[in-house]
Amino acid sequence: MKNYLTGNTLLVSLGLGLAIALNLVTQVNGQNQQVTKVKNLTWEVSQTYQPPDRSAPSSTAGGASRGGCIESEGVLTSLMPPNNLGLTATGYPTFFWYVPKSSAEALEFKLLDSKNGQVIYQKTLAVPENSGIVSFTLPKTELPTPLEMGKMYHWFLTMQCPPNPNEELPEKSGNVIVDGWVERTELNPNLVNQLENAVPSDRPALYAAAGIWHDSLTTLVELLREKPDDSNLKNQWKKLLDSAGLNVIVEKPMLNCCTSEHN
């Protein structure tokens, strides 16, 4: 009887051990599947921009415009999301535009206080010789006070075209204008931690998923300037612009522009 009980006990123990082992394997497989799903989800999110749950006031100029002095295909286009509001975590954000080849005399950038319409910064920029994507960063040396947290600003970029003597008001004819809105926002602690621990190539995705448009675009462009042939970065670039409805800009070249005409 003792041997019989011992045998049964052994069988029960073995069966219990096998069941526990199978359960552990099932849990591990389930966890691996969850990790895979999370990774896949992260990959999908990383390629798209998630806009904030609000929009900018009505635009007076628009995100794309074509005028009389544009000499090539395409229009003056601001690289902005569909709602025309770009969030940033920095007090000195970078702005991007596609500028077609033109006979324009200058590009004029203006930044206005959205509440009272007061111009708080204005700069005349050199016109690029060829069509392409240009950028301009608010300079700390000329704008000692950074953008205020939680405040919305309205910006304009004007392509100043030569006067057309055939127009009734030649001094105002042909100018091409695009505009948009920018707001500085505070990053939540979780995002700050993610950014600090992320490799550089993952940071644009983190900004994009959080709806921080300017910083996502800026960090990605900086990486692409360093590694223009990196297939992963080029794919991120395409996905980001596609998600913002800027697919026509994807293949446009990036130019080393723009600088002030008057230093």
Protein backbone atom coordinates (compact mmCIF):
# COMPACT_ATOMS: atom_id res chain seq x y z
CA MET A 1 0.00 0.00 0.00
CA LYS A 2 2.84 2.36 0.83
CA ASN A 3 4.52 1.73 -2.53
CA TYR A 4 1.18 2.27 -4.30
CA LEU A 5 0.70 5.61 -2.59
CA THR A 6 4.26 6.59 -3.32
CA GLY A 7 3.75 5.79 -7.00
CA ASN A 8 0.53 7.77 -7.14
CA THR A 9 2.15 10.67 -5.36
CA LEU A 10 4.99 10.63 -7.88
CA LEU A 11 2.57 10.60 -10.78
CA VAL A 12 0.59 13.47 -9.31
CA SER A 13 3.78 15.44 -8.71
CA LEU A 14 4.97 14.84 -12.25
CA GLY A 15 1.59 15.79 -13.64
CA LEU A 16 1.45 18.94 -11.55
CA GLY A 17 4.97 19.88 -12.60
CA LEU A 18 4.13 19.34 -16.26
CA ALA A 19 0.99 21.45 -15.95
CA ILE A 20 2.93 24.27 -14.30
CA ALA A 21 5.59 24.08 -16.99
CA LEU A 22 3.00 24.17 -19.77
CA ASN A 23 1.29 27.11 -18.08
CA LEU A 24 4.58 28.99 -17.86
CA VAL A 25 5.30 28.33 -21.52
CA THR A 26 1.82 29.59 -22.40
CA GLN A 27 2.36 32.74 -20.32
CA VAL A 28 5.74 33.40 -21.91
CA ASN A 29 4.32 32.91 -25.38
CA GLY A 30 1.47 35.24 -24.53
CA GLN A 31 3.88 37.85 -23.22
CA ASN A 32 6.02 37.51 -26.33
CA GLN A 33 2.95 38.00 -28.49
CA GLN A 34 2.02 41.09 -26.46
CA VAL A 35 5.53 42.47 -26.85
CA THR A 36 5.36 41.82 -30.58
CA LYS A 37 2.00 43.56 -30.76
CA VAL A 38 3.35 46.53 -28.81
CA LYS A 39 6.38 46.71 -31.07
CA ASN A 40 4.20 46.58 -34.15
CA LEU A 41 1.87 49.20 -32.71
CA THR A 42 4.84 51.41 -31.85
CA TRP A 43 6.12 51.02 -35.40
CA GLU A 44 2.78 52.03 -36.87
CA VAL A 45 2.40 55.01 -34.53
CA SER A 46 5.98 56.06 -35.13
CA GLN A 47 5.31 56.61 -38.79
CA THR A 48 2.34 58.94 -38.35
CA TYR A 49 1.58 62.30 -36.83
CA GLN A 50 -1.16 62.41 -34.18
CA PRO A 51 -2.63 65.94 -34.24
CA PRO A 52 -3.68 67.66 -31.02
CA ASP A 53 -7.37 67.69 -30.20
CA ARG A 54 -7.90 71.26 -31.35
CA SER A 55 -7.32 73.41 -34.39
CA ALA A 56 -5.95 76.82 -35.23
CA PRO A 57 -8.16 79.84 -35.89
CA SER A 58 -9.27 80.42 -39.46
CA SER A 59 -6.37 81.01 -41.80
CA THR A 60 -6.15 84.26 -43.72
CA ALA A 61 -3.62 83.09 -46.29
CA GLY A 62 -3.63 79.30 -46.41
CA GLY A 63 -1.05 76.56 -46.39
CA ALA A 64 -0.23 76.70 -50.09
CA SER A 65 -0.33 79.51 -52.62
CA ARG A 66 0.80 80.26 -56.16
CA GLY A 67 1.52 83.71 -57.54
CA GLY A 68 2.70 85.45 -60.66
CA CYS A 69 6.45 85.28 -59.99
CA ILE A 70 6.68 81.51 -59.51
CA GLU A 71 8.66 80.08 -62.42
CA SER A 72 8.44 76.34 -61.77
CA GLU A 73 5.83 73.72 -61.00
CA GLY A 74 4.48 73.66 -57.49
CA VAL A 75 3.29 76.25 -55.01
CA LEU A 76 4.70 77.97 -51.96
CA THR A 77 3.76 75.44 -49.28
CA SER A 78 4.11 75.44 -45.51
CA LEU A 79 5.07 72.08 -44.03
CA MET A 80 2.26 72.04 -41.51
CA PRO A 81 -0.39 69.51 -40.46
CA PRO A 82 -3.95 69.83 -41.85
CA ASN A 83 -5.20 71.88 -38.90
CA ASN A 84 -2.41 74.41 -39.59
CA LEU A 85 -1.38 74.41 -35.92
CA GLY A 86 2.09 73.22 -35.00
CA LEU A 87 3.02 72.46 -31.41
CA THR A 88 6.58 72.77 -30.13
CA ALA A 89 8.39 72.22 -26.86
CA THR A 90 11.04 74.82 -27.59
CA GLY A 91 10.88 78.57 -27.26
CA TYR A 92 12.71 78.93 -30.58
CA PRO A 93 11.08 76.55 -33.07
CA THR A 94 12.08 75.86 -36.67
CA PHE A 95 9.67 76.46 -39.55
CA PHE A 96 9.72 74.65 -42.89
CA TRP A 97 8.38 75.55 -46.32
CA TYR A 98 8.61 74.28 -49.85
CA VAL A 99 9.68 77.24 -51.99
CA PRO A 100 9.38 76.86 -55.78
CA LYS A 101 11.83 78.57 -58.12
CA SER A 102 10.72 82.14 -58.67
CA SER A 103 11.75 85.66 -59.53
CA ALA A 104 10.80 86.84 -56.04
CA GLU A 105 12.94 89.57 -54.53
CA ALA A 106 12.78 88.28 -50.96
CA LEU A 107 10.96 86.12 -48.45
CA GLU A 108 9.51 87.98 -45.49
CA PHE A 109 8.74 86.14 -42.26
CA LYS A 110 6.48 87.67 -39.61
CA LEU A 111 5.48 86.36 -36.20
CA LEU A 112 2.45 87.93 -34.56
CA ASP A 113 0.82 87.82 -31.15
CA SER A 114 -2.43 86.00 -31.88
CA LYS A 115 -4.40 88.01 -29.33
CA ASN A 116 -3.63 91.55 -30.42
CA GLY A 117 -2.07 91.05 -33.85
CA GLN A 118 1.13 92.83 -32.82
CA VAL A 119 4.22 91.89 -34.81
CA ILE A 120 6.76 90.57 -32.31
CA TYR A 121 9.35 89.44 -34.85
CA GLN A 122 10.02 90.15 -38.51
CA LYS A 123 12.80 89.00 -40.81
CA THR A 124 13.66 89.28 -44.50
CA LEU A 125 15.15 86.06 -45.84
CA ALA A 126 17.13 85.34 -48.98
CA VAL A 127 15.29 83.59 -51.81
CA PRO A 128 16.75 80.18 -52.75
CA GLU A 129 18.08 79.86 -56.28
CA ASN A 130 16.34 76.54 -56.84
CA SER A 131 13.12 74.88 -55.75
CA GLY A 132 13.26 72.96 -52.51
CA ILE A 133 12.47 72.72 -48.82
CA VAL A 134 13.86 75.55 -46.72
CA SER A 135 13.85 76.16 -42.99
CA PHE A 136 14.17 79.05 -40.60
CA THR A 137 14.76 78.91 -36.85
CA LEU A 138 13.80 81.79 -34.59
CA PRO A 139 17.16 83.23 -33.49
CA LYS A 140 17.82 83.71 -29.80
CA THR A 141 20.09 86.65 -30.53
CA GLU A 142 17.27 88.60 -32.18
CA LEU A 143 14.36 87.38 -30.10
CA PRO A 144 15.58 87.50 -26.49
CA THR A 145 12.20 86.40 -25.12
CA PRO A 146 11.25 82.84 -26.14
CA LEU A 147 7.73 81.87 -27.11
CA GLU A 148 5.50 81.78 -24.05
CA MET A 149 4.18 78.45 -22.83
CA GLY A 150 0.57 77.81 -23.84
CA LYS A 151 0.33 80.91 -26.03
CA MET A 152 -0.62 80.74 -29.70
CA TYR A 153 1.28 82.75 -32.30
CA HIS A 154 0.34 83.51 -35.90
CA TRP A 155 3.09 83.52 -38.51
CA PHE A 156 3.24 84.57 -42.17
CA LEU A 157 5.72 83.93 -44.95
CA THR A 158 5.43 86.29 -47.90
CA MET A 159 7.15 85.75 -51.24
CA GLN A 160 7.71 89.32 -52.36
CA CYS A 161 7.32 89.38 -56.13
CA PRO A 162 8.49 92.20 -58.42
CA PRO A 163 5.83 94.80 -59.26
CA ASN A 164 3.74 94.03 -62.32
CA PRO A 165 3.21 97.25 -64.29
CA ASN A 166 0.14 95.74 -65.95
CA GLU A 167 -1.71 95.51 -62.64
CA GLU A 168 -3.87 98.30 -61.21
CA LEU A 169 -1.82 98.22 -58.00
CA PRO A 170 1.60 97.04 -59.21
CA GLU A 171 3.26 97.58 -55.85
CA LYS A 172 1.01 94.95 -54.24
CA SER A 173 0.49 92.54 -57.10
CA GLY A 174 1.81 89.01 -57.33
CA ASN A 175 2.91 88.50 -53.72
CA VAL A 176 2.46 84.94 -52.47
CA ILE A 177 1.55 84.37 -48.82
CA VAL A 178 1.21 81.32 -46.60
CA ASP A 179 0.50 81.35 -42.89
CA GLY A 180 0.13 79.09 -39.90
CA TRP A 181 0.00 78.93 -36.12
CA VAL A 182 2.50 77.78 -33.55
CA GLU A 183 2.09 77.11 -29.84
CA ARG A 184 4.67 76.16 -27.27
CA THR A 185 3.58 73.30 -25.04
CA GLU A 186 5.04 71.51 -22.04
CA LEU A 187 6.11 67.90 -22.48
CA ASN A 188 4.68 65.43 -20.00
CA PRO A 189 7.22 63.62 -17.77
CA ASN A 190 6.62 60.27 -19.45
CA LEU A 191 7.48 61.68 -22.88
CA VAL A 192 10.55 63.43 -21.48
CA ASN A 193 11.75 60.12 -20.07
CA GLN A 194 11.12 58.34 -23.36
CA LEU A 195 13.02 60.99 -25.30
CA GLU A 196 15.97 60.85 -22.93
CA ASN A 197 16.26 57.08 -23.27
CA ALA A 198 15.53 56.84 -26.99
CA VAL A 199 18.12 56.56 -29.73
CA PRO A 200 18.14 59.65 -32.00
CA SER A 201 16.32 57.90 -34.85
CA ASP A 202 13.35 57.12 -32.56
CA ARG A 203 12.84 60.66 -31.28
CA PRO A 204 10.97 62.05 -34.31
CA ALA A 205 8.45 59.23 -33.90
CA LEU A 206 7.92 60.00 -30.23
CA TYR A 207 7.31 63.67 -30.96
CA ALA A 208 4.94 62.80 -33.81
CA ALA A 209 2.90 60.37 -31.71
CA ALA A 210 2.56 63.09 -29.05
CA GLY A 211 1.41 65.66 -31.62
CA ILE A 212 4.53 67.84 -31.29
CA TRP A 213 4.78 68.70 -34.99
CA HIS A 214 7.66 71.18 -35.14
CA ASP A 215 10.01 69.08 -33.03
CA SER A 216 9.20 65.88 -34.89
CA LEU A 217 9.91 67.52 -38.24
CA THR A 218 13.03 69.33 -37.01
CA THR A 219 14.67 66.29 -35.43
CA LEU A 220 13.92 64.16 -38.48
CA VAL A 221 15.33 66.75 -40.89
CA GLU A 222 18.49 67.05 -38.79
CA LEU A 223 18.97 63.28 -38.98
CA LEU A 224 18.33 63.24 -42.72
CA ARG A 225 20.91 65.97 -43.29
CA GLU A 226 23.45 63.78 -41.48
CA LYS A 227 22.40 60.55 -43.20
CA PRO A 228 20.56 61.41 -46.43
CA ASP A 229 20.73 57.83 -47.73
CA ASP A 230 19.39 56.13 -44.60
CA SER A 231 16.39 54.07 -45.80
CA ASN A 232 14.76 54.00 -42.36
CA LEU A 233 14.92 57.78 -42.02
CA LYS A 234 13.63 58.28 -45.57
CA ASN A 235 10.73 55.96 -44.81
CA GLN A 236 9.94 57.92 -41.63
CA TRP A 237 10.04 61.13 -43.66
CA LYS A 238 7.56 59.77 -46.20
CA LYS A 239 5.21 58.40 -43.55
CA LEU A 240 5.28 61.60 -41.52
CA LEU A 241 4.51 63.86 -44.48
CA ASP A 242 1.90 61.47 -45.85
CA SER A 243 0.12 61.45 -42.49
CA ALA A 244 -0.08 65.25 -42.63
CA GLY A 245 -1.32 65.37 -46.22
CA LEU A 246 2.03 66.59 -47.57
CA ASN A 247 2.76 63.67 -49.88
CA VAL A 248 3.58 65.99 -52.81
CA ILE A 249 6.54 67.34 -50.79
CA VAL A 250 8.14 63.97 -49.97
CA GLU A 251 10.56 63.87 -52.92
CA LYS A 252 11.45 67.55 -52.88
CA PRO A 253 15.11 68.34 -52.10
CA MET A 254 16.18 69.94 -48.85
CA LEU A 255 18.11 73.16 -49.31
CA ASN A 256 20.63 74.78 -46.99
CA CYS A 257 18.53 77.88 -46.56
CA CYS A 258 17.47 80.32 -45.24
CA THR A 259 19.61 83.11 -43.94
CA SER A 260 18.83 86.70 -43.28
CA GLU A 261 19.50 89.16 -46.06
CA HIS A 262 20.59 91.68 -43.48
CA ASN A 263 22.88 90.35 -40.74
